[in-house]
Amino acid sequence: MGTLDRSLIRDVAAISAAAGVIGVSFGAIAVAAGISVWLASLMSLLVFAGGSQFMMVGVVAGGGSPVAAVLAGLLLNARHLPFGLVVADVLGKSWPMRLLGTHLMVDESVAFALAQKDPARRRAAYWLCGGTLFVAWNVGVVIGAMAGRALGNPDALGLDAAFPAGMLALLLPSLMAPRREKPKAEAGEDVAGVDAREPVRAAALARRVALLGAVIALTTTPLLPAGLPVLLALLALVVALR
């Protein structure tokens, strides 16, 4: 912990608190979808991937097959393959530690690790963020599941909107070019050999992919079984590969 500064600890605490709130939402929604408290808690312990868990519950609750739910979750977590390559050095050398570290691999723990400059801080940030998020998420899920069973219908409190709102908040920075780079981008200047307009192009491409994916999902939802529209929306990535 001595390698971490107070600002990093503060940021990790803030994002863990947010994860706990989203975990409460997931627990309540899972119970409302017919999943028992213990199964929702066990899923969170073993899967520990909020996006995949929400998707699985949504697909199953919408009448989709477990196979479609699993495929959607696997596709959503495919991003962990490059994550594993870039943070392999922070996971340790023994197999038990590497397995535990892999289980704690989420967007936030990877982002906090990559933001550090020296190896010791990378390792400390990764384990602190991953471990704190794991505890906050699972405690939130248990609380939400218990509360959902008591409340009956969490939709009445608007909890079903918490996850989409959280995902949108996470995506927004990727859809918008950094403000401080706009003047350089307009001037077409190069910084350290990199085209300064690249962030603007990347943000524009991300918006096109997101918009096309949303259109595909919305237009196919009335026609296809639950879960398939989300998978079909991945065709929007073709735009990025052209």
Foldseek 3Di string as FASTA:
>chain_A
DVVDDPVLVVVLVVVLLLLLLLLLLLLLLLVLLPHALVVLLVCCLQQVASVLSVQQSQQVSLVHDNVLSVVLSCVVCVVVVVLCVVCVLLQDDDPVSNVVLSSLDDPQLSVQLVVDDDNVSSNVSNCVNSVSNSVSNSVSSSNNNVVSVVVNDCVVVVSVVSVVVVVCVVCVVQLDADPVLVVQLVVQDDDPNHGSVVSVVRNPLVVQLVVQLVVQLVVCVVPDRRSVSNVVSCVSCVSVVD
